[in-house]
Amino acid sequence: MVEKATIDEWTTETGLINDVDVWMQNCRFGFKEEYGSVAGVDSPMFIAEFVNEEGEVVASQGYSVGTGWIVSDDGLSISHPTRKNVVGSSVYGQLINRVVKDLKVNMAQYGKPTEAKSWNGLGFHVVQEEHKTVSGDVRTAPMPTEFLGEKVYESAKEPAGPVSDIEKKLIALASMPIEGFQRQALKLPEVTQDDDLMALVLDSSPEGFWAKHHS
């Protein structure tokens, strides 16, 4: 006899994270294919990986910054030719206002809004909310409703001596779990063009780059 399904089993869900605690890691500025342009012009995003308490990646979320912003330093920062501050109507601006104005988080102690690393390691309870983008579209995005503090693993170990620019980039990336570190490191041409350095990046043993710089 065929077992009948319940009505609940035929109810779909969005698949979006909602009403959960998450911590931001691998924060950067860039572009996500699933988001359209604004008036035909590409709008960069603030992009963050969300991890749960166990450090497992549960989502990759983008918040539109608005047009005119230039992504620099391999996605670590943005700049604008005519303004210094992020526009409040952009989704990234709404994220900033929620955290700074509503939750009263002193974000200045973590860095600048134009530097993606300012968000690394910060935890929030997030809830899906509808927001208008700068193009007028209505989208949902997980917005913070509570500040959970900073994860101690966000701070990478300091090097013992002088290091090159590429080593500095890799040390900054080493604050995230090893899978994310390796994935982002292999996007850097300085790594893929150096066989010895690439071997260290891909080495998951205690002798690898990540193990020696992660904390």
N, C-alpha and C. Protein backbone atom coordinates (compact mmCIF):
# COMPACT_ATOMS: atom_id res chain seq x y z
N MET A 1 0.85 -1.20 0.00
CA MET A 1 0.00 0.00 0.00
C MET A 1 0.89 1.25 0.00
N VAL A 2 0.57 2.18 -0.89
CA VAL A 2 1.35 3.40 -0.98
C VAL A 2 1.01 4.33 0.19
N GLU A 3 2.05 4.79 0.85
CA GLU A 3 1.84 5.69 1.99
C GLU A 3 1.59 7.10 1.49
N LYS A 4 0.52 7.70 1.96
CA LYS A 4 0.18 9.05 1.54
C LYS A 4 1.09 10.07 2.22
N ALA A 5 1.44 11.10 1.45
CA ALA A 5 2.26 12.18 2.00
C ALA A 5 1.38 13.16 2.75
N THR A 6 1.98 13.87 3.67
CA THR A 6 1.24 14.92 4.38
C THR A 6 1.32 16.22 3.58
N ILE A 7 0.45 17.15 3.91
CA ILE A 7 0.47 18.45 3.25
C ILE A 7 1.80 19.14 3.49
N ASP A 8 2.36 18.98 4.70
CA ASP A 8 3.63 19.63 5.03
C ASP A 8 4.75 19.16 4.11
N GLU A 9 4.72 17.92 3.69
CA GLU A 9 5.77 17.40 2.82
C GLU A 9 5.72 18.02 1.43
N TRP A 10 4.56 18.56 1.05
CA TRP A 10 4.41 19.20 -0.25
C TRP A 10 4.60 20.71 -0.18
N THR A 11 5.01 21.20 0.99
CA THR A 11 5.28 22.62 1.16
C THR A 11 6.75 22.89 0.91
N THR A 12 7.03 23.80 0.00
CA THR A 12 8.43 24.10 -0.33
C THR A 12 8.99 25.15 0.63
N GLU A 13 10.32 25.31 0.59
CA GLU A 13 10.97 26.33 1.39
C GLU A 13 11.96 27.07 0.51
N THR A 14 12.40 28.25 0.97
CA THR A 14 13.26 29.11 0.14
C THR A 14 14.68 28.59 0.03
N GLY A 15 15.14 27.87 1.03
CA GLY A 15 16.53 27.43 1.03
C GLY A 15 17.48 28.48 1.55
N LEU A 16 16.97 29.67 1.87
CA LEU A 16 17.79 30.75 2.39
C LEU A 16 17.96 30.61 3.90
N ILE A 17 19.13 30.96 4.39
CA ILE A 17 19.32 30.93 5.84
C ILE A 17 18.44 31.99 6.48
N ASN A 18 17.89 31.68 7.63
CA ASN A 18 16.96 32.61 8.27
C ASN A 18 16.89 32.33 9.76
N ASP A 19 16.95 33.41 10.55
CA ASP A 19 16.80 33.30 11.99
C ASP A 19 17.87 32.40 12.59
N VAL A 20 19.14 32.68 12.23
CA VAL A 20 20.26 31.85 12.68
C VAL A 20 21.43 32.72 13.12
N ASP A 21 22.34 32.12 13.88
CA ASP A 21 23.58 32.78 14.28
C ASP A 21 24.65 32.45 13.24
N VAL A 22 25.34 33.47 12.74
CA VAL A 22 26.41 33.26 11.77
C VAL A 22 27.59 34.18 12.09
N TRP A 23 28.76 33.76 11.60
CA TRP A 23 29.96 34.60 11.70
C TRP A 23 30.49 34.83 10.30
N MET A 24 30.99 36.04 10.05
CA MET A 24 31.48 36.39 8.73
C MET A 24 32.95 36.00 8.59
N GLN A 25 33.29 35.46 7.42
CA GLN A 25 34.67 35.14 7.11
C GLN A 25 34.90 35.35 5.61
N ASN A 26 36.16 35.40 5.22
CA ASN A 26 36.52 35.57 3.81
C ASN A 26 35.76 36.74 3.19
N CYS A 27 35.68 37.84 3.90
CA CYS A 27 34.96 39.02 3.40
C CYS A 27 35.78 39.68 2.29
N ARG A 28 35.09 40.13 1.26
CA ARG A 28 35.76 40.71 0.11
C ARG A 28 34.75 41.54 -0.69
N PHE A 29 35.25 42.30 -1.63
CA PHE A 29 34.41 43.02 -2.57
C PHE A 29 34.59 42.40 -3.94
N GLY A 30 33.49 42.28 -4.68
CA GLY A 30 33.56 41.67 -6.00
C GLY A 30 32.19 41.63 -6.64
N PHE A 31 31.96 40.60 -7.45
CA PHE A 31 30.72 40.51 -8.21
C PHE A 31 30.14 39.11 -8.09
N LYS A 32 28.82 39.02 -8.07
CA LYS A 32 28.13 37.74 -8.04
C LYS A 32 27.23 37.68 -9.26
N GLU A 33 27.33 36.60 -10.02
CA GLU A 33 26.61 36.48 -11.29
C GLU A 33 25.10 36.56 -11.13
N GLU A 34 24.59 36.09 -9.97
CA GLU A 34 23.14 36.06 -9.81
C GLU A 34 22.53 37.43 -9.56
N TYR A 35 23.37 38.45 -9.36
CA TYR A 35 22.85 39.79 -9.15
C TYR A 35 23.05 40.61 -10.41
N GLY A 36 22.03 41.31 -10.82
CA GLY A 36 22.09 42.10 -12.05
C GLY A 36 22.82 43.41 -11.86
N SER A 37 22.95 44.14 -12.95
CA SER A 37 23.61 45.44 -12.90
C SER A 37 22.59 46.51 -12.54
N VAL A 38 23.09 47.69 -12.24
CA VAL A 38 22.23 48.84 -11.93
C VAL A 38 22.30 49.80 -13.12
N ALA A 39 21.17 49.96 -13.79
CA ALA A 39 21.09 50.82 -14.98
C ALA A 39 22.15 50.45 -16.00
N GLY A 40 22.38 49.13 -16.15
CA GLY A 40 23.34 48.65 -17.14
C GLY A 40 24.79 48.72 -16.72
N VAL A 41 25.04 49.19 -15.50
CA VAL A 41 26.41 49.30 -15.00
C VAL A 41 26.61 48.29 -13.87
N ASP A 42 27.70 47.55 -13.95
CA ASP A 42 27.97 46.57 -12.91
C ASP A 42 28.15 47.24 -11.55
N SER A 43 27.49 46.68 -10.56
CA SER A 43 27.59 47.20 -9.20
C SER A 43 28.33 46.18 -8.35
N PRO A 44 29.48 46.55 -7.78
CA PRO A 44 30.20 45.59 -6.94
C PRO A 44 29.41 45.25 -5.68
N MET A 45 29.76 44.11 -5.11
CA MET A 45 29.09 43.63 -3.92
C MET A 45 30.07 43.53 -2.76
N PHE A 46 29.56 43.69 -1.55
CA PHE A 46 30.30 43.24 -0.38
C PHE A 46 29.87 41.79 -0.18
N ILE A 47 30.83 40.88 -0.22
CA ILE A 47 30.53 39.45 -0.18
C ILE A 47 31.17 38.83 1.06
N ALA A 48 30.40 38.04 1.78
CA ALA A 48 30.92 37.38 2.98
C ALA A 48 30.44 35.94 3.02
N GLU A 49 31.32 35.05 3.44
CA GLU A 49 30.91 33.68 3.75
C GLU A 49 30.37 33.67 5.18
N PHE A 50 29.23 33.03 5.36
CA PHE A 50 28.65 32.87 6.69
C PHE A 50 28.96 31.48 7.20
N VAL A 51 29.49 31.40 8.40
CA VAL A 51 29.76 30.10 9.00
C VAL A 51 28.97 29.98 10.29
N ASN A 52 28.67 28.73 10.67
CA ASN A 52 27.95 28.50 11.92
C ASN A 52 28.93 28.37 13.08
N GLU A 53 28.42 27.99 14.24
CA GLU A 53 29.24 27.88 15.44
C GLU A 53 30.39 26.89 15.26
N GLU A 54 30.17 25.86 14.44
CA GLU A 54 31.19 24.83 14.21
C GLU A 54 32.19 25.22 13.13
N GLY A 55 32.00 26.40 12.51
CA GLY A 55 32.91 26.84 11.47
C GLY A 55 32.55 26.34 10.08
N GLU A 56 31.37 25.73 9.93
CA GLU A 56 30.93 25.21 8.64
C GLU A 56 30.29 26.34 7.83
N VAL A 57 30.65 26.44 6.55
CA VAL A 57 30.07 27.47 5.68
C VAL A 57 28.62 27.12 5.38
N VAL A 58 27.71 28.05 5.69
CA VAL A 58 26.28 27.82 5.46
C VAL A 58 25.73 28.69 4.34
N ALA A 59 26.45 29.72 3.94
CA ALA A 59 25.97 30.59 2.87
C ALA A 59 27.08 31.53 2.43
N SER A 60 26.96 32.01 1.19
CA SER A 60 27.80 33.09 0.69
C SER A 60 26.86 34.22 0.30
N GLN A 61 26.94 35.34 0.99
CA GLN A 61 25.96 36.40 0.82
C GLN A 61 26.59 37.66 0.24
N GLY A 62 25.88 38.29 -0.70
CA GLY A 62 26.34 39.53 -1.29
C GLY A 62 25.41 40.68 -0.97
N TYR A 63 25.99 41.85 -0.70
CA TYR A 63 25.24 43.08 -0.43
C TYR A 63 25.72 44.14 -1.43
N SER A 64 24.82 44.61 -2.29
CA SER A 64 25.19 45.56 -3.34
C SER A 64 25.72 46.86 -2.74
N VAL A 65 26.87 47.33 -3.27
CA VAL A 65 27.49 48.56 -2.79
C VAL A 65 26.98 49.77 -3.56
N GLY A 66 26.55 49.58 -4.80
CA GLY A 66 26.13 50.70 -5.64
C GLY A 66 27.14 50.95 -6.74
N THR A 67 26.78 51.76 -7.71
CA THR A 67 27.66 51.99 -8.86
C THR A 67 28.74 53.01 -8.55
N GLY A 68 29.78 52.97 -9.38
CA GLY A 68 30.85 53.95 -9.25
C GLY A 68 32.00 53.52 -8.38
N TRP A 69 31.81 52.45 -7.61
CA TRP A 69 32.86 51.98 -6.72
C TRP A 69 33.85 51.10 -7.48
N ILE A 70 35.12 51.27 -7.17
CA ILE A 70 36.19 50.53 -7.82
C ILE A 70 36.76 49.51 -6.85
N VAL A 71 36.80 48.25 -7.26
CA VAL A 71 37.34 47.18 -6.42
C VAL A 71 38.85 47.12 -6.60
N SER A 72 39.59 47.11 -5.49
CA SER A 72 41.06 47.10 -5.53
C SER A 72 41.62 46.03 -4.61
N ASP A 73 42.93 45.83 -4.70
CA ASP A 73 43.67 44.92 -3.80
C ASP A 73 43.07 43.52 -3.78
N ASP A 74 42.77 43.00 -4.98
CA ASP A 74 42.20 41.65 -5.08
C ASP A 74 40.92 41.50 -4.27
N GLY A 75 40.12 42.56 -4.23
CA GLY A 75 38.84 42.50 -3.54
C GLY A 75 38.88 42.88 -2.08
N LEU A 76 40.04 43.31 -1.59
CA LEU A 76 40.14 43.64 -0.16
C LEU A 76 39.60 45.03 0.14
N SER A 77 39.50 45.91 -0.88
CA SER A 77 39.04 47.27 -0.62
C SER A 77 38.30 47.84 -1.82
N ILE A 78 37.59 48.94 -1.58
CA ILE A 78 36.91 49.67 -2.65
C ILE A 78 37.19 51.16 -2.49
N SER A 79 37.06 51.88 -3.58
CA SER A 79 37.21 53.33 -3.54
C SER A 79 36.25 53.94 -4.55
N HIS A 80 35.96 55.23 -4.39
CA HIS A 80 35.03 55.93 -5.28
C HIS A 80 35.68 57.23 -5.72
N PRO A 81 35.53 57.61 -6.97
CA PRO A 81 36.19 58.83 -7.46
C PRO A 81 35.63 60.12 -6.88
N THR A 82 34.40 60.11 -6.38
CA THR A 82 33.80 61.37 -5.92
C THR A 82 33.26 61.34 -4.50
N ARG A 83 33.21 60.18 -3.86
CA ARG A 83 32.66 60.16 -2.50
C ARG A 83 33.49 59.27 -1.59
N LYS A 84 33.37 59.52 -0.29
CA LYS A 84 34.11 58.76 0.71
C LYS A 84 33.22 57.76 1.45
N ASN A 85 31.92 58.06 1.49
CA ASN A 85 31.02 57.24 2.27
C ASN A 85 30.08 56.41 1.39
N VAL A 86 29.71 55.25 1.89
CA VAL A 86 28.78 54.36 1.20
C VAL A 86 27.38 54.96 1.25
N VAL A 87 26.65 54.88 0.16
CA VAL A 87 25.28 55.42 0.09
C VAL A 87 24.35 54.55 0.93
N GLY A 88 23.57 55.18 1.77
CA GLY A 88 22.70 54.45 2.69
C GLY A 88 21.60 53.65 2.03
N SER A 89 21.23 54.02 0.78
CA SER A 89 20.16 53.30 0.10
C SER A 89 20.63 51.99 -0.53
N SER A 90 21.95 51.80 -0.67
CA SER A 90 22.45 50.53 -1.18
C SER A 90 22.24 49.47 -0.10
N VAL A 91 22.21 48.21 -0.50
CA VAL A 91 21.98 47.15 0.48
C VAL A 91 23.15 47.06 1.45
N TYR A 92 24.36 47.32 0.96
CA TYR A 92 25.52 47.36 1.86
C TYR A 92 25.38 48.53 2.84
N GLY A 93 24.89 49.65 2.34
CA GLY A 93 24.64 50.79 3.22
C GLY A 93 23.60 50.47 4.28
N GLN A 94 22.57 49.72 3.89
CA GLN A 94 21.55 49.32 4.85
C GLN A 94 22.13 48.36 5.90
N LEU A 95 23.05 47.49 5.46
CA LEU A 95 23.72 46.60 6.41
C LEU A 95 24.53 47.42 7.42
N ILE A 96 25.28 48.40 6.91
CA ILE A 96 26.08 49.25 7.80
C ILE A 96 25.20 49.99 8.79
N ASN A 97 24.12 50.59 8.31
CA ASN A 97 23.23 51.35 9.20
C ASN A 97 22.58 50.45 10.25
N ARG A 98 22.24 49.23 9.87
CA ARG A 98 21.63 48.31 10.83
C ARG A 98 22.62 48.01 11.96
N VAL A 99 23.86 47.74 11.58
CA VAL A 99 24.86 47.36 12.57
C VAL A 99 25.30 48.55 13.43
N VAL A 100 25.57 49.69 12.77
CA VAL A 100 26.10 50.85 13.49
C VAL A 100 25.02 51.63 14.23
N LYS A 101 23.92 51.93 13.55
CA LYS A 101 22.89 52.78 14.14
C LYS A 101 21.91 52.01 15.02
N ASP A 102 21.46 50.85 14.55
CA ASP A 102 20.45 50.11 15.30
C ASP A 102 21.05 49.22 16.39
N LEU A 103 22.12 48.50 16.06
CA LEU A 103 22.72 47.59 17.03
C LEU A 103 23.82 48.26 17.86
N LYS A 104 24.18 49.50 17.48
CA LYS A 104 25.15 50.30 18.24
C LYS A 104 26.53 49.63 18.34
N VAL A 105 26.94 48.95 17.27
CA VAL A 105 28.25 48.32 17.25
C VAL A 105 29.29 49.36 16.82
N ASN A 106 30.35 49.50 17.57
CA ASN A 106 31.42 50.44 17.24
C ASN A 106 32.32 49.82 16.17
N MET A 107 31.89 49.92 14.92
CA MET A 107 32.61 49.29 13.83
C MET A 107 33.96 49.96 13.56
N ALA A 108 34.14 51.20 14.02
CA ALA A 108 35.39 51.90 13.78
C ALA A 108 36.58 51.17 14.40
N GLN A 109 36.32 50.39 15.46
CA GLN A 109 37.42 49.66 16.10
C GLN A 109 37.90 48.49 15.25
N TYR A 110 37.10 48.08 14.28
CA TYR A 110 37.47 46.95 13.42
C TYR A 110 38.08 47.38 12.10
N GLY A 111 37.90 48.64 11.72
CA GLY A 111 38.46 49.10 10.46
C GLY A 111 37.51 50.05 9.75
N LYS A 112 37.66 50.14 8.43
CA LYS A 112 36.87 51.03 7.60
C LYS A 112 35.83 50.26 6.80
N PRO A 113 34.70 50.89 6.46
CA PRO A 113 33.67 50.20 5.65
C PRO A 113 34.14 49.88 4.24
N THR A 114 35.19 50.56 3.78
CA THR A 114 35.73 50.30 2.45
C THR A 114 36.79 49.20 2.47
N GLU A 115 37.05 48.62 3.65
CA GLU A 115 38.00 47.52 3.78
C GLU A 115 37.24 46.28 4.21
N ALA A 116 37.23 45.26 3.36
CA ALA A 116 36.42 44.07 3.62
C ALA A 116 36.81 43.36 4.91
N LYS A 117 38.10 43.41 5.26
CA LYS A 117 38.58 42.69 6.44
C LYS A 117 37.96 43.20 7.74
N SER A 118 37.35 44.39 7.70
CA SER A 118 36.73 44.96 8.90
C SER A 118 35.64 44.05 9.45
N TRP A 119 35.05 43.23 8.60
CA TRP A 119 33.93 42.38 9.01
C TRP A 119 34.36 40.96 9.39
N ASN A 120 35.60 40.58 9.05
CA ASN A 120 36.03 39.21 9.31
C ASN A 120 35.94 38.85 10.79
N GLY A 121 35.31 37.72 11.07
CA GLY A 121 35.22 37.22 12.43
C GLY A 121 34.05 37.74 13.23
N LEU A 122 33.29 38.71 12.71
CA LEU A 122 32.16 39.27 13.46
C LEU A 122 30.93 38.38 13.33
N GLY A 123 30.23 38.20 14.43
CA GLY A 123 29.07 37.32 14.45
C GLY A 123 27.77 38.08 14.65
N PHE A 124 26.72 37.62 13.99
CA PHE A 124 25.41 38.26 14.11
C PHE A 124 24.31 37.20 14.07
N HIS A 125 23.21 37.49 14.73
CA HIS A 125 21.99 36.72 14.50
C HIS A 125 21.30 37.42 13.34
N VAL A 126 20.99 36.67 12.26
CA VAL A 126 20.44 37.29 11.06
C VAL A 126 19.05 36.74 10.74
N VAL A 127 18.24 37.60 10.15
CA VAL A 127 16.88 37.27 9.73
C VAL A 127 16.68 37.79 8.31
N GLN A 128 16.06 37.01 7.45
CA GLN A 128 15.79 37.45 6.08
C GLN A 128 14.80 38.60 6.07
N GLU A 129 15.15 39.68 5.36
CA GLU A 129 14.28 40.83 5.25
C GLU A 129 14.26 41.31 3.80
N GLU A 130 13.15 41.92 3.40
CA GLU A 130 13.05 42.48 2.06
C GLU A 130 13.66 43.88 2.04
N HIS A 131 14.41 44.15 0.96
CA HIS A 131 15.03 45.46 0.81
C HIS A 131 14.98 45.88 -0.65
N LYS A 132 14.89 47.18 -0.88
CA LYS A 132 14.96 47.71 -2.23
C LYS A 132 16.41 47.95 -2.57
N THR A 133 16.83 47.49 -3.76
CA THR A 133 18.18 47.75 -4.22
C THR A 133 18.23 49.15 -4.83
N VAL A 134 19.45 49.61 -5.17
CA VAL A 134 19.57 50.93 -5.76
C VAL A 134 18.89 51.00 -7.12
N SER A 135 18.64 49.84 -7.75
CA SER A 135 17.95 49.83 -9.04
C SER A 135 16.43 49.78 -8.88
N GLY A 136 15.96 49.67 -7.63
CA GLY A 136 14.53 49.64 -7.38
C GLY A 136 13.94 48.25 -7.23
N ASP A 137 14.75 47.22 -7.48
CA ASP A 137 14.28 45.85 -7.32
C ASP A 137 14.11 45.51 -5.84
N VAL A 138 13.20 44.60 -5.55
CA VAL A 138 13.00 44.14 -4.18
C VAL A 138 13.63 42.77 -4.03
N ARG A 139 14.57 42.65 -3.11
CA ARG A 139 15.25 41.38 -2.85
C ARG A 139 15.24 41.12 -1.35
N THR A 140 15.52 39.87 -1.01
CA THR A 140 15.67 39.55 0.42
C THR A 140 17.15 39.39 0.73
N ALA A 141 17.51 39.74 1.94
CA ALA A 141 18.89 39.60 2.40
C ALA A 141 18.88 39.35 3.90
N PRO A 142 19.80 38.52 4.39
CA PRO A 142 19.88 38.30 5.83
C PRO A 142 20.46 39.54 6.51
N MET A 143 19.67 40.14 7.40
CA MET A 143 20.10 41.35 8.09
C MET A 143 20.27 41.07 9.58
N PRO A 144 21.29 41.65 10.20
CA PRO A 144 21.56 41.40 11.62
C PRO A 144 20.47 41.96 12.53
N THR A 145 20.13 41.18 13.54
CA THR A 145 19.21 41.65 14.58
C THR A 145 19.87 41.62 15.96
N GLU A 146 21.08 41.02 16.03
CA GLU A 146 21.81 40.96 17.30
C GLU A 146 23.30 40.78 16.99
N PHE A 147 24.14 41.47 17.74
CA PHE A 147 25.59 41.35 17.57
C PHE A 147 26.11 40.28 18.53
N LEU A 148 26.87 39.32 18.01
CA LEU A 148 27.34 38.19 18.82
C LEU A 148 28.80 38.30 19.21
N GLY A 149 29.46 39.38 18.79
CA GLY A 149 30.86 39.55 19.14
C GLY A 149 31.79 39.05 18.05
N GLU A 150 33.05 38.90 18.41
CA GLU A 150 34.09 38.54 17.46
C GLU A 150 34.69 37.19 17.80
N LYS A 151 34.89 36.36 16.77
CA LYS A 151 35.53 35.07 16.95
C LYS A 151 37.03 35.26 17.08
N VAL A 152 37.63 34.58 18.03
CA VAL A 152 39.06 34.76 18.27
C VAL A 152 39.89 34.22 17.13
N TYR A 153 39.36 33.24 16.34
CA TYR A 153 40.17 32.68 15.27
C TYR A 153 40.33 33.64 14.10
N GLU A 154 39.64 34.77 14.16
CA GLU A 154 39.71 35.74 13.06
C GLU A 154 41.10 36.34 12.94
N SER A 155 41.85 36.46 14.04
CA SER A 155 43.16 37.07 14.01
C SER A 155 44.22 36.06 13.61
N ALA A 156 44.89 36.30 12.51
CA ALA A 156 45.93 35.39 12.06
C ALA A 156 47.20 35.61 12.87
N LYS A 157 48.05 34.61 12.94
CA LYS A 157 49.31 34.73 13.65
C LYS A 157 50.22 35.73 12.95
N GLU A 158 50.95 36.50 13.73
CA GLU A 158 51.87 37.47 13.17
C GLU A 158 53.14 36.76 12.68
N PRO A 159 53.70 37.18 11.57
CA PRO A 159 54.94 36.56 11.07
C PRO A 159 56.12 36.90 11.96
N ALA A 160 57.12 36.03 11.94
CA ALA A 160 58.28 36.23 12.79
C ALA A 160 59.23 37.27 12.22
N GLY A 161 59.24 37.48 10.92
CA GLY A 161 60.17 38.43 10.30
C GLY A 161 59.56 39.09 9.09
N PRO A 162 60.38 39.80 8.28
CA PRO A 162 59.88 40.48 7.09
C PRO A 162 59.21 39.49 6.13
N VAL A 163 58.12 39.91 5.52
CA VAL A 163 57.42 39.03 4.58
C VAL A 163 57.10 39.81 3.31
N SER A 164 56.89 39.07 2.24
CA SER A 164 56.55 39.69 0.96
C SER A 164 55.08 40.06 0.91
N ASP A 165 54.69 40.80 -0.13
CA ASP A 165 53.29 41.22 -0.27
C ASP A 165 52.37 40.02 -0.41
N ILE A 166 52.80 39.01 -1.18
CA ILE A 166 51.94 37.85 -1.36
C ILE A 166 51.79 37.08 -0.05
N GLU A 167 52.86 37.02 0.75
CA GLU A 167 52.76 36.35 2.04
C GLU A 167 51.78 37.08 2.96
N LYS A 168 51.79 38.41 2.90
CA LYS A 168 50.85 39.20 3.71
C LYS A 168 49.41 38.87 3.32
N LYS A 169 49.18 38.74 2.01
CA LYS A 169 47.82 38.41 1.54
C LYS A 169 47.41 37.03 2.04
N LEU A 170 48.34 36.09 1.96
CA LEU A 170 48.03 34.72 2.39
C LEU A 170 47.83 34.64 3.89
N ILE A 171 48.60 35.39 4.65
CA ILE A 171 48.45 35.40 6.10
C ILE A 171 47.07 35.95 6.47
N ALA A 172 46.61 36.98 5.75
CA ALA A 172 45.27 37.52 6.01
C ALA A 172 44.20 36.50 5.70
N LEU A 173 44.39 35.74 4.61
CA LEU A 173 43.42 34.71 4.23
C LEU A 173 43.44 33.54 5.20
N ALA A 174 44.55 33.34 5.90
CA ALA A 174 44.68 32.19 6.80
C ALA A 174 43.80 32.27 8.03
N SER A 175 43.07 33.38 8.19
CA SER A 175 42.15 33.48 9.33
C SER A 175 40.90 32.63 9.13
N MET A 176 40.65 32.18 7.89
CA MET A 176 39.46 31.39 7.60
C MET A 176 39.78 29.90 7.65
N PRO A 177 38.77 29.03 7.65
CA PRO A 177 39.01 27.58 7.59
C PRO A 177 39.84 27.22 6.36
N ILE A 178 40.53 26.09 6.41
CA ILE A 178 41.52 25.75 5.39
C ILE A 178 40.92 25.63 3.99
N GLU A 179 39.68 25.12 3.87
CA GLU A 179 39.09 24.97 2.54
C GLU A 179 38.93 26.33 1.86
N GLY A 180 38.42 27.31 2.62
CA GLY A 180 38.25 28.64 2.07
C GLY A 180 39.58 29.31 1.77
N PHE A 181 40.57 29.09 2.66
CA PHE A 181 41.90 29.64 2.45
C PHE A 181 42.50 29.14 1.14
N GLN A 182 42.45 27.83 0.92
CA GLN A 182 43.04 27.27 -0.29
C GLN A 182 42.31 27.73 -1.54
N ARG A 183 40.98 27.80 -1.45
CA ARG A 183 40.19 28.21 -2.60
C ARG A 183 40.53 29.64 -3.02
N GLN A 184 40.63 30.55 -2.05
CA GLN A 184 40.92 31.94 -2.35
C GLN A 184 42.38 32.15 -2.74
N ALA A 185 43.29 31.40 -2.10
CA ALA A 185 44.71 31.53 -2.41
C ALA A 185 45.01 31.14 -3.84
N LEU A 186 44.31 30.13 -4.34
CA LEU A 186 44.56 29.65 -5.71
C LEU A 186 44.01 30.60 -6.76
N LYS A 187 43.31 31.64 -6.34
CA LYS A 187 42.85 32.66 -7.28
C LYS A 187 43.93 33.73 -7.50
N LEU A 188 44.99 33.70 -6.68
CA LEU A 188 46.05 34.69 -6.78
C LEU A 188 47.12 34.22 -7.76
N PRO A 189 47.43 35.01 -8.79
CA PRO A 189 48.42 34.59 -9.79
C PRO A 189 49.81 34.39 -9.17
N GLU A 190 50.12 35.14 -8.10
CA GLU A 190 51.43 34.97 -7.46
C GLU A 190 51.59 33.57 -6.89
N VAL A 191 50.46 32.94 -6.54
CA VAL A 191 50.49 31.58 -6.00
C VAL A 191 50.58 30.56 -7.13
N THR A 192 49.72 30.69 -8.12
CA THR A 192 49.67 29.68 -9.19
C THR A 192 50.91 29.70 -10.07
N GLN A 193 51.65 30.82 -10.05
CA GLN A 193 52.86 30.92 -10.86
C GLN A 193 54.12 30.52 -10.09
N ASP A 194 53.95 30.15 -8.83
CA ASP A 194 55.08 29.74 -7.99
C ASP A 194 54.80 28.34 -7.47
N ASP A 195 55.46 27.33 -8.05
CA ASP A 195 55.17 25.94 -7.71
C ASP A 195 55.43 25.65 -6.23
N ASP A 196 56.51 26.19 -5.67
CA ASP A 196 56.83 25.93 -4.27
C ASP A 196 55.78 26.54 -3.35
N LEU A 197 55.37 27.78 -3.64
CA LEU A 197 54.37 28.44 -2.81
C LEU A 197 53.02 27.75 -2.93
N MET A 198 52.67 27.33 -4.15
CA MET A 198 51.40 26.63 -4.35
C MET A 198 51.39 25.31 -3.58
N ALA A 199 52.53 24.64 -3.52
CA ALA A 199 52.62 23.39 -2.77
C ALA A 199 52.39 23.63 -1.28
N LEU A 200 52.92 24.74 -0.76
CA LEU A 200 52.71 25.08 0.65
C LEU A 200 51.24 25.39 0.92
N VAL A 201 50.60 26.08 -0.04
CA VAL A 201 49.17 26.43 0.12
C VAL A 201 48.31 25.17 0.13
N LEU A 202 48.65 24.21 -0.73
CA LEU A 202 47.85 22.99 -0.84
C LEU A 202 48.20 21.95 0.22
N ASP A 203 49.25 22.19 0.98
CA ASP A 203 49.69 21.26 2.02
C ASP A 203 48.79 21.41 3.25
N SER A 204 48.00 20.39 3.53
CA SER A 204 47.06 20.43 4.66
C SER A 204 47.67 19.89 5.95
N SER A 205 48.94 19.54 5.91
CA SER A 205 49.62 19.01 7.10
C SER A 205 50.05 20.15 8.01
N PRO A 206 50.56 19.82 9.20
CA PRO A 206 51.05 20.87 10.12
C PRO A 206 52.20 21.69 9.54
N GLU A 207 52.80 21.21 8.44
CA GLU A 207 53.91 21.93 7.81
C GLU A 207 53.44 22.88 6.71
N GLY A 208 52.13 22.86 6.39
CA GLY A 208 51.61 23.71 5.33
C GLY A 208 51.48 25.16 5.77
N PHE A 209 51.25 26.04 4.77
CA PHE A 209 51.16 27.48 5.05
C PHE A 209 50.02 27.79 6.01
N TRP A 210 48.86 27.18 5.77
CA TRP A 210 47.68 27.48 6.60
C TRP A 210 47.91 27.11 8.05
N ALA A 211 48.45 25.91 8.31
CA ALA A 211 48.65 25.44 9.68
C ALA A 211 49.60 26.34 10.45
N LYS A 212 50.57 26.92 9.76
CA LYS A 212 51.57 27.73 10.43
C LYS A 212 51.11 29.17 10.68
N HIS A 213 50.00 29.58 10.04
CA HIS A 213 49.57 30.96 10.17
C HIS A 213 48.14 31.12 10.67
N HIS A 214 47.43 30.03 10.82
CA HIS A 214 46.04 30.09 11.28
C HIS A 214 46.00 30.11 12.80
N SER A 215 45.07 30.87 13.36
CA SER A 215 44.87 30.86 14.81
C SER A 215 43.40 31.03 15.12
